[in-house]
Amino acid sequence: MALGAQRGVVLGMTFRWGASLFFLGGVIGLLAAIAFARMFASILYGVRAGDLETFFIATLTLTVAASLAAFIPARRAAKVDPMISLRYE
């Protein structure tokens, strides 16, 4: 913002950075969960190896949590006064 960026641009850039980290981790985690599902099916009661409902609920819950975790710092970054940030640099 100190170099002329608008609040919406800063908010979007910061949120996209956090969302891209979540997306990468989510894809890796989902692939690992599918790969290890058969091994854990014998340990977990009532969960089948290909239980799509469980995968969907877990992915949805983590998406909501990661979206909040990315949005809160993005909002704070968009509210920074440019003069204050320039003084600390």
PDB file of N, CA and C in Angstrom:
ATOM      1  N   MET A   1       0.826  -1.179   0.000  1.00  0.00           N
ATOM      2  CA  MET A   1       0.000   0.000   0.000  1.00  0.00           C
ATOM      3  C   MET A   1       0.871   1.244   0.000  1.00  0.00           C
ATOM      4  N   ALA A   2       2.070   1.135   0.556  1.00  0.00           N
ATOM      5  CA  ALA A   2       2.972   2.280   0.584  1.00  0.00           C
ATOM      6  C   ALA A   2       3.465   2.619  -0.811  1.00  0.00           C
ATOM      7  N   LEU A   3       3.398   1.685  -1.730  1.00  0.00           N
ATOM      8  CA  LEU A   3       3.832   1.937  -3.102  1.00  0.00           C
ATOM      9  C   LEU A   3       2.662   2.195  -4.039  1.00  0.00           C
ATOM     10  N   GLY A   4       1.451   2.339  -3.503  1.00  0.00           N
ATOM     11  CA  GLY A   4       0.301   2.715  -4.312  1.00  0.00           C
ATOM     12  C   GLY A   4      -0.732   1.627  -4.544  1.00  0.00           C
ATOM     13  N   ALA A   5      -0.600   0.490  -3.920  1.00  0.00           N
ATOM     14  CA  ALA A   5      -1.588  -0.577  -4.114  1.00  0.00           C
ATOM     15  C   ALA A   5      -2.879  -0.235  -3.374  1.00  0.00           C
ATOM     16  N   GLN A   6      -3.982  -0.639  -3.941  1.00  0.00           N
ATOM     17  CA  GLN A   6      -5.281  -0.426  -3.317  1.00  0.00           C
ATOM     18  C   GLN A   6      -5.528  -1.512  -2.268  1.00  0.00           C
ATOM     19  N   ARG A   7      -6.438  -1.227  -1.345  1.00  0.00           N
ATOM     20  CA  ARG A   7      -6.742  -2.185  -0.280  1.00  0.00           C
ATOM     21  C   ARG A   7      -7.229  -3.526  -0.826  1.00  0.00           C
ATOM     22  N   GLY A   8      -8.059  -3.484  -1.839  1.00  0.00           N
ATOM     23  CA  GLY A   8      -8.579  -4.724  -2.428  1.00  0.00           C
ATOM     24  C   GLY A   8      -7.491  -5.574  -3.049  1.00  0.00           C
ATOM     25  N   VAL A   9      -6.503  -4.935  -3.649  1.00  0.00           N
ATOM     26  CA  VAL A   9      -5.395  -5.668  -4.261  1.00  0.00           C
ATOM     27  C   VAL A   9      -4.549  -6.347  -3.177  1.00  0.00           C
ATOM     28  N   VAL A  10      -4.278  -5.617  -2.106  1.00  0.00           N
ATOM     29  CA  VAL A  10      -3.498  -6.186  -1.003  1.00  0.00           C
ATOM     30  C   VAL A  10      -4.265  -7.334  -0.352  1.00  0.00           C
ATOM     31  N   LEU A  11      -5.552  -7.139  -0.136  1.00  0.00           N
ATOM     32  CA  LEU A  11      -6.385  -8.186   0.453  1.00  0.00           C
ATOM     33  C   LEU A  11      -6.393  -9.433  -0.428  1.00  0.00           C
ATOM     34  N   GLY A  12      -6.604  -9.247  -1.726  1.00  0.00           N
ATOM     35  CA  GLY A  12      -6.638 -10.378  -2.654  1.00  0.00           C
ATOM     36  C   GLY A  12      -5.309 -11.094  -2.759  1.00  0.00           C
ATOM     37  N   MET A  13      -4.222 -10.333  -2.814  1.00  0.00           N
ATOM     38  CA  MET A  13      -2.899 -10.938  -2.937  1.00  0.00           C
ATOM     39  C   MET A  13      -2.558 -11.770  -1.699  1.00  0.00           C
ATOM     40  N   THR A  14      -2.829 -11.230  -0.532  1.00  0.00           N
ATOM     41  CA  THR A  14      -2.530 -11.940   0.704  1.00  0.00           C
ATOM     42  C   THR A  14      -3.426 -13.166   0.862  1.00  0.00           C
ATOM     43  N   PHE A  15      -4.696 -13.031   0.527  1.00  0.00           N
ATOM     44  CA  PHE A  15      -5.620 -14.161   0.635  1.00  0.00           C
ATOM     45  C   PHE A  15      -5.254 -15.259  -0.367  1.00  0.00           C
ATOM     46  N   ARG A  16      -4.901 -14.874  -1.591  1.00  0.00           N
ATOM     47  CA  ARG A  16      -4.511 -15.876  -2.596  1.00  0.00           C
ATOM     48  C   ARG A  16      -3.268 -16.643  -2.178  1.00  0.00           C
ATOM     49  N   TRP A  17      -2.323 -15.965  -1.515  1.00  0.00           N
ATOM     50  CA  TRP A  17      -1.121 -16.639  -1.055  1.00  0.00           C
ATOM     51  C   TRP A  17      -1.485 -17.711  -0.017  1.00  0.00           C
ATOM     52  N   GLY A  18      -2.322 -17.356   0.937  1.00  0.00           N
ATOM     53  CA  GLY A  18      -2.751 -18.327   1.942  1.00  0.00           C
ATOM     54  C   GLY A  18      -3.581 -19.449   1.348  1.00  0.00           C
ATOM     55  N   ALA A  19      -4.452 -19.111   0.414  1.00  0.00           N
ATOM     56  CA  ALA A  19      -5.301 -20.129  -0.215  1.00  0.00           C
ATOM     57  C   ALA A  19      -4.474 -21.078  -1.074  1.00  0.00           C
ATOM     58  N   SER A  20      -3.431 -20.578  -1.720  1.00  0.00           N
ATOM     59  CA  SER A  20      -2.601 -21.470  -2.534  1.00  0.00           C
ATOM     60  C   SER A  20      -1.849 -22.465  -1.654  1.00  0.00           C
ATOM     61  N   LEU A  21      -1.412 -22.021  -0.480  1.00  0.00           N
ATOM     62  CA  LEU A  21      -0.765 -22.950   0.448  1.00  0.00           C
ATOM     63  C   LEU A  21      -1.746 -24.021   0.912  1.00  0.00           C
ATOM     64  N   PHE A  22      -2.976 -23.604   1.209  1.00  0.00           N
ATOM     65  CA  PHE A  22      -3.979 -24.581   1.623  1.00  0.00           C
ATOM     66  C   PHE A  22      -4.299 -25.549   0.493  1.00  0.00           C
ATOM     67  N   PHE A  23      -4.431 -25.034  -0.710  1.00  0.00           N
ATOM     68  CA  PHE A  23      -4.768 -25.895  -1.846  1.00  0.00           C
ATOM     69  C   PHE A  23      -3.692 -26.955  -2.046  1.00  0.00           C
ATOM     70  N   LEU A  24      -2.437 -26.551  -1.994  1.00  0.00           N
ATOM     71  CA  LEU A  24      -1.348 -27.504  -2.172  1.00  0.00           C
ATOM     72  C   LEU A  24      -1.356 -28.548  -1.054  1.00  0.00           C
ATOM     73  N   GLY A  25      -1.499 -28.104   0.177  1.00  0.00           N
ATOM     74  CA  GLY A  25      -1.557 -29.036   1.304  1.00  0.00           C
ATOM     75  C   GLY A  25      -2.788 -29.915   1.263  1.00  0.00           C
ATOM     76  N   GLY A  26      -3.914 -29.352   0.827  1.00  0.00           N
ATOM     77  CA  GLY A  26      -5.150 -30.131   0.734  1.00  0.00           C
ATOM     78  C   GLY A  26      -5.070 -31.226  -0.300  1.00  0.00           C
ATOM     79  N   VAL A  27      -4.474 -30.928  -1.440  1.00  0.00           N
ATOM     80  CA  VAL A  27      -4.330 -31.945  -2.486  1.00  0.00           C
ATOM     81  C   VAL A  27      -3.405 -33.061  -2.018  1.00  0.00           C
ATOM     82  N   ILE A  28      -2.276 -32.681  -1.422  1.00  0.00           N
ATOM     83  CA  ILE A  28      -1.342 -33.698  -0.919  1.00  0.00           C
ATOM     84  C   ILE A  28      -2.004 -34.531   0.184  1.00  0.00           C
ATOM     85  N   GLY A  29      -2.716 -33.878   1.095  1.00  0.00           N
ATOM     86  CA  GLY A  29      -3.383 -34.586   2.180  1.00  0.00           C
ATOM     87  C   GLY A  29      -4.497 -35.497   1.693  1.00  0.00           C
ATOM     88  N   LEU A  30      -5.262 -35.030   0.722  1.00  0.00           N
ATOM     89  CA  LEU A  30      -6.352 -35.850   0.189  1.00  0.00           C
ATOM     90  C   LEU A  30      -5.808 -37.079  -0.535  1.00  0.00           C
ATOM     91  N   LEU A  31      -4.743 -36.899  -1.301  1.00  0.00           N
ATOM     92  CA  LEU A  31      -4.127 -38.050  -1.972  1.00  0.00           C
ATOM     93  C   LEU A  31      -3.552 -39.034  -0.962  1.00  0.00           C
ATOM     94  N   ALA A  32      -2.942 -38.527   0.085  1.00  0.00           N
ATOM     95  CA  ALA A  32      -2.407 -39.408   1.126  1.00  0.00           C
ATOM     96  C   ALA A  32      -3.533 -40.121   1.866  1.00  0.00           C
ATOM     97  N   ALA A  33      -4.635 -39.422   2.116  1.00  0.00           N
ATOM     98  CA  ALA A  33      -5.768 -40.039   2.800  1.00  0.00           C
ATOM     99  C   ALA A  33      -6.375 -41.157   1.972  1.00  0.00           C
ATOM    100  N   ILE A  34      -6.480 -40.925   0.673  1.00  0.00           N
ATOM    101  CA  ILE A  34      -7.018 -41.975  -0.199  1.00  0.00           C
ATOM    102  C   ILE A  34      -6.060 -43.160  -0.243  1.00  0.00           C
ATOM    103  N   ALA A  35      -4.760 -42.873  -0.280  1.00  0.00           N
ATOM    104  CA  ALA A  35      -3.772 -43.950  -0.347  1.00  0.00           C
ATOM    105  C   ALA A  35      -3.758 -44.791   0.930  1.00  0.00           C
ATOM    106  N   PHE A  36      -3.914 -44.139   2.080  1.00  0.00           N
ATOM    107  CA  PHE A  36      -3.847 -44.854   3.349  1.00  0.00           C
ATOM    108  C   PHE A  36      -5.211 -45.292   3.873  1.00  0.00           C
ATOM    109  N   ALA A  37      -6.266 -45.051   3.132  1.00  0.00           N
ATOM    110  CA  ALA A  37      -7.614 -45.343   3.615  1.00  0.00           C
ATOM    111  C   ALA A  37      -7.818 -46.829   3.893  1.00  0.00           C
ATOM    112  N   ARG A  38      -7.312 -47.652   3.053  1.00  0.00           N
ATOM    113  CA  ARG A  38      -7.509 -49.096   3.259  1.00  0.00           C
ATOM    114  C   ARG A  38      -6.794 -49.584   4.508  1.00  0.00           C
ATOM    115  N   MET A  39      -5.618 -49.012   4.767  1.00  0.00           N
ATOM    116  CA  MET A  39      -4.879 -49.435   5.948  1.00  0.00           C
ATOM    117  C   MET A  39      -5.613 -49.012   7.219  1.00  0.00           C
ATOM    118  N   PHE A  40      -6.186 -47.811   7.217  1.00  0.00           N
ATOM    119  CA  PHE A  40      -6.863 -47.311   8.406  1.00  0.00           C
ATOM    120  C   PHE A  40      -8.304 -47.791   8.524  1.00  0.00           C
ATOM    121  N   ALA A  41      -8.861 -48.374   7.488  1.00  0.00           N
ATOM    122  CA  ALA A  41     -10.244 -48.843   7.540  1.00  0.00           C
ATOM    123  C   ALA A  41     -10.418 -49.929   8.589  1.00  0.00           C
ATOM    124  N   SER A  42      -9.402 -50.721   8.802  1.00  0.00           N
ATOM    125  CA  SER A  42      -9.509 -51.778   9.810  1.00  0.00           C
ATOM    126  C   SER A  42      -9.397 -51.215  11.228  1.00  0.00           C
ATOM    127  N   ILE A  43      -8.828 -50.044  11.385  1.00  0.00           N
ATOM    128  CA  ILE A  43      -8.643 -49.436  12.702  1.00  0.00           C
ATOM    129  C   ILE A  43      -9.852 -48.591  13.099  1.00  0.00           C
ATOM    130  N   LEU A  44     -10.402 -47.824  12.145  1.00  0.00           N
ATOM    131  CA  LEU A  44     -11.510 -46.909  12.427  1.00  0.00           C
ATOM    132  C   LEU A  44     -12.843 -47.637  12.325  1.00  0.00           C
ATOM    133  N   TYR A  45     -13.654 -47.500  13.347  1.00  0.00           N
ATOM    134  CA  TYR A  45     -14.944 -48.177  13.373  1.00  0.00           C
ATOM    135  C   TYR A  45     -15.962 -47.399  12.550  1.00  0.00           C
ATOM    136  N   GLY A  46     -16.639 -48.053  11.647  1.00  0.00           N
ATOM    137  CA  GLY A  46     -17.729 -47.472  10.884  1.00  0.00           C
ATOM    138  C   GLY A  46     -17.302 -46.640   9.688  1.00  0.00           C
ATOM    139  N   VAL A  47     -16.030 -46.660   9.336  1.00  0.00           N
ATOM    140  CA  VAL A  47     -15.548 -45.902   8.180  1.00  0.00           C
ATOM    141  C   VAL A  47     -15.036 -46.898   7.150  1.00  0.00           C
ATOM    142  N   ARG A  48     -15.603 -46.803   5.960  1.00  0.00           N
ATOM    143  CA  ARG A  48     -15.158 -47.676   4.876  1.00  0.00           C
ATOM    144  C   ARG A  48     -13.931 -47.070   4.203  1.00  0.00           C
ATOM    145  N   ALA A  49     -13.238 -47.870   3.415  1.00  0.00           N
ATOM    146  CA  ALA A  49     -12.016 -47.407   2.752  1.00  0.00           C
ATOM    147  C   ALA A  49     -12.321 -46.302   1.736  1.00  0.00           C
ATOM    148  N   GLY A  50     -13.439 -46.377   1.076  1.00  0.00           N
ATOM    149  CA  GLY A  50     -13.788 -45.381   0.077  1.00  0.00           C
ATOM    150  C   GLY A  50     -14.934 -44.499   0.525  1.00  0.00           C
ATOM    151  N   ASP A  51     -14.954 -44.116   1.783  1.00  0.00           N
ATOM    152  CA  ASP A  51     -16.043 -43.328   2.345  1.00  0.00           C
ATOM    153  C   ASP A  51     -15.922 -41.871   1.900  1.00  0.00           C
ATOM    154  N   LEU A  52     -16.614 -41.521   0.813  1.00  0.00           N
ATOM    155  CA  LEU A  52     -16.521 -40.181   0.250  1.00  0.00           C
ATOM    156  C   LEU A  52     -17.142 -39.126   1.157  1.00  0.00           C
ATOM    157  N   GLU A  53     -18.143 -39.507   1.931  1.00  0.00           N
ATOM    158  CA  GLU A  53     -18.778 -38.549   2.836  1.00  0.00           C
ATOM    159  C   GLU A  53     -17.783 -38.045   3.887  1.00  0.00           C
ATOM    160  N   THR A  54     -16.986 -38.935   4.429  1.00  0.00           N
ATOM    161  CA  THR A  54     -15.992 -38.541   5.419  1.00  0.00           C
ATOM    162  C   THR A  54     -14.936 -37.645   4.793  1.00  0.00           C
ATOM    163  N   PHE A  55     -14.462 -37.998   3.598  1.00  0.00           N
ATOM    164  CA  PHE A  55     -13.484 -37.160   2.906  1.00  0.00           C
ATOM    165  C   PHE A  55     -14.059 -35.783   2.614  1.00  0.00           C
ATOM    166  N   PHE A  56     -15.327 -35.723   2.198  1.00  0.00           N
ATOM    167  CA  PHE A  56     -15.956 -34.451   1.863  1.00  0.00           C
ATOM    168  C   PHE A  56     -16.111 -33.568   3.100  1.00  0.00           C
ATOM    169  N   ILE A  57     -16.578 -34.137   4.199  1.00  0.00           N
ATOM    170  CA  ILE A  57     -16.777 -33.357   5.428  1.00  0.00           C
ATOM    171  C   ILE A  57     -15.445 -32.857   5.970  1.00  0.00           C
ATOM    172  N   ALA A  58     -14.436 -33.704   5.960  1.00  0.00           N
ATOM    173  CA  ALA A  58     -13.114 -33.295   6.451  1.00  0.00           C
ATOM    174  C   ALA A  58     -12.529 -32.201   5.567  1.00  0.00           C
ATOM    175  N   THR A  59     -12.662 -32.337   4.262  1.00  0.00           N
ATOM    176  CA  THR A  59     -12.147 -31.323   3.341  1.00  0.00           C
ATOM    177  C   THR A  59     -12.900 -30.014   3.492  1.00  0.00           C
ATOM    178  N   LEU A  60     -14.201 -30.072   3.653  1.00  0.00           N
ATOM    179  CA  LEU A  60     -14.998 -28.869   3.829  1.00  0.00           C
ATOM    180  C   LEU A  60     -14.643 -28.149   5.134  1.00  0.00           C
ATOM    181  N   THR A  61     -14.486 -28.904   6.202  1.00  0.00           N
ATOM    182  CA  THR A  61     -14.120 -28.317   7.494  1.00  0.00           C
ATOM    183  C   THR A  61     -12.761 -27.646   7.429  1.00  0.00           C
ATOM    184  N   LEU A  62     -11.797 -28.316   6.824  1.00  0.00           N
ATOM    185  CA  LEU A  62     -10.463 -27.738   6.702  1.00  0.00           C
ATOM    186  C   LEU A  62     -10.449 -26.539   5.754  1.00  0.00           C
ATOM    187  N   THR A  63     -11.293 -26.549   4.737  1.00  0.00           N
ATOM    188  CA  THR A  63     -11.377 -25.404   3.826  1.00  0.00           C
ATOM    189  C   THR A  63     -11.899 -24.170   4.545  1.00  0.00           C
ATOM    190  N   VAL A  64     -12.919 -24.336   5.362  1.00  0.00           N
ATOM    191  CA  VAL A  64     -13.461 -23.211   6.129  1.00  0.00           C
ATOM    192  C   VAL A  64     -12.417 -22.670   7.105  1.00  0.00           C
ATOM    193  N   ALA A  65     -11.734 -23.573   7.798  1.00  0.00           N
ATOM    194  CA  ALA A  65     -10.711 -23.141   8.758  1.00  0.00           C
ATOM    195  C   ALA A  65      -9.548 -22.445   8.058  1.00  0.00           C
ATOM    196  N   ALA A  66      -9.115 -22.976   6.938  1.00  0.00           N
ATOM    197  CA  ALA A  66      -8.006 -22.367   6.204  1.00  0.00           C
ATOM    198  C   ALA A  66      -8.410 -21.036   5.583  1.00  0.00           C
ATOM    199  N   SER A  67      -9.652 -20.920   5.153  1.00  0.00           N
ATOM    200  CA  SER A  67     -10.119 -19.642   4.599  1.00  0.00           C
ATOM    201  C   SER A  67     -10.110 -18.553   5.665  1.00  0.00           C
ATOM    202  N   LEU A  68     -10.560 -18.888   6.848  1.00  0.00           N
ATOM    203  CA  LEU A  68     -10.496 -17.925   7.957  1.00  0.00           C
ATOM    204  C   LEU A  68      -9.057 -17.614   8.329  1.00  0.00           C
ATOM    205  N   ALA A  69      -8.212 -18.625   8.333  1.00  0.00           N
ATOM    206  CA  ALA A  69      -6.807 -18.426   8.681  1.00  0.00           C
ATOM    207  C   ALA A  69      -6.087 -17.575   7.641  1.00  0.00           C
ATOM    208  N   ALA A  70      -6.547 -17.575   6.408  1.00  0.00           N
ATOM    209  CA  ALA A  70      -5.940 -16.740   5.372  1.00  0.00           C
ATOM    210  C   ALA A  70      -6.579 -15.353   5.324  1.00  0.00           C
ATOM    211  N   PHE A  71      -7.872 -15.273   5.634  1.00  0.00           N
ATOM    212  CA  PHE A  71      -8.579 -13.997   5.513  1.00  0.00           C
ATOM    213  C   PHE A  71      -8.224 -13.017   6.628  1.00  0.00           C
ATOM    214  N   ILE A  72      -8.070 -13.510   7.839  1.00  0.00           N
ATOM    215  CA  ILE A  72      -7.814 -12.609   8.968  1.00  0.00           C
ATOM    216  C   ILE A  72      -6.499 -11.852   8.797  1.00  0.00           C
ATOM    217  N   PRO A  73      -5.368 -12.496   8.474  1.00  0.00           N
ATOM    218  CA  PRO A  73      -4.149 -11.719   8.229  1.00  0.00           C
ATOM    219  C   PRO A  73      -4.240 -10.843   6.976  1.00  0.00           C
ATOM    220  N   ALA A  74      -4.982 -11.298   5.969  1.00  0.00           N
ATOM    221  CA  ALA A  74      -5.141 -10.488   4.760  1.00  0.00           C
ATOM    222  C   ALA A  74      -5.885  -9.200   5.076  1.00  0.00           C
ATOM    223  N   ARG A  75      -6.902  -9.296   5.913  1.00  0.00           N
ATOM    224  CA  ARG A  75      -7.650  -8.104   6.302  1.00  0.00           C
ATOM    225  C   ARG A  75      -6.775  -7.154   7.112  1.00  0.00           C
ATOM    226  N   ARG A  76      -5.966  -7.708   7.994  1.00  0.00           N
ATOM    227  CA  ARG A  76      -5.054  -6.870   8.790  1.00  0.00           C
ATOM    228  C   ARG A  76      -4.015  -6.203   7.901  1.00  0.00           C
ATOM    229  N   ALA A  77      -3.527  -6.916   6.893  1.00  0.00           N
ATOM    230  CA  ALA A  77      -2.536  -6.334   5.978  1.00  0.00           C
ATOM    231  C   ALA A  77      -3.140  -5.213   5.152  1.00  0.00           C
ATOM    232  N   ALA A  78      -4.418  -5.329   4.816  1.00  0.00           N
ATOM    233  CA  ALA A  78      -5.070  -4.294   4.024  1.00  0.00           C
ATOM    234  C   ALA A  78      -5.367  -3.047   4.850  1.00  0.00           C
ATOM    235  N   LYS A  79      -5.392  -3.161   6.168  1.00  0.00           N
ATOM    236  CA  LYS A  79      -5.697  -2.022   7.025  1.00  0.00           C
ATOM    237  C   LYS A  79      -4.452  -1.255   7.473  1.00  0.00           C
ATOM    238  N   VAL A  80      -3.274  -1.719   7.110  1.00  0.00           N
ATOM    239  CA  VAL A  80      -2.038  -1.073   7.559  1.00  0.00           C
ATOM    240  C   VAL A  80      -1.926   0.314   6.933  1.00  0.00           C
ATOM    241  N   ASP A  81      -1.603   1.285   7.762  1.00  0.00           N
ATOM    242  CA  ASP A  81      -1.377   2.642   7.284  1.00  0.00           C
ATOM    243  C   ASP A  81      -0.023   2.693   6.584  1.00  0.00           C
ATOM    244  N   PRO A  82       0.048   3.170   5.336  1.00  0.00           N
ATOM    245  CA  PRO A  82       1.317   3.185   4.601  1.00  0.00           C
ATOM    246  C   PRO A  82       2.418   3.986   5.297  1.00  0.00           C
ATOM    247  N   MET A  83       2.086   5.058   5.948  1.00  0.00           N
ATOM    248  CA  MET A  83       3.106   5.865   6.623  1.00  0.00           C
ATOM    249  C   MET A  83       3.715   5.119   7.809  1.00  0.00           C
ATOM    250  N   ILE A  84       2.914   4.378   8.517  1.00  0.00           N
ATOM    251  CA  ILE A  84       3.431   3.609   9.648  1.00  0.00           C
ATOM    252  C   ILE A  84       4.355   2.490   9.164  1.00  0.00           C
ATOM    253  N   SER A  85       3.972   1.836   8.092  1.00  0.00           N
ATOM    254  CA  SER A  85       4.827   0.763   7.574  1.00  0.00           C
ATOM    255  C   SER A  85       6.122   1.309   7.004  1.00  0.00           C
ATOM    256  N   LEU A  86       6.107   2.490   6.414  1.00  0.00           N
ATOM    257  CA  LEU A  86       7.340   3.090   5.889  1.00  0.00           C
ATOM    258  C   LEU A  86       8.269   3.522   7.029  1.00  0.00           C
ATOM    259  N   ARG A  87       7.735   3.927   8.128  1.00  0.00           N
ATOM    260  CA  ARG A  87       8.566   4.343   9.263  1.00  0.00           C
ATOM    261  C   ARG A  87       9.341   3.164   9.839  1.00  0.00           C
ATOM    262  N   TYR A  88       8.752   1.969   9.804  1.00  0.00           N
ATOM    263  CA  TYR A  88       9.419   0.809  10.373  1.00  0.00           C
ATOM    264  C   TYR A  88      10.422   0.187   9.433  1.00  0.00           C
ATOM    265  N   GLU A  89      10.403   0.550   8.190  1.00  0.00           N
ATOM    266  CA  GLU A  89      11.351  -0.002   7.207  1.00  0.00           C
ATOM    267  C   GLU A  89      12.550   0.835   7.199  1.00  0.00           C
TER     268      GLU A  89
END
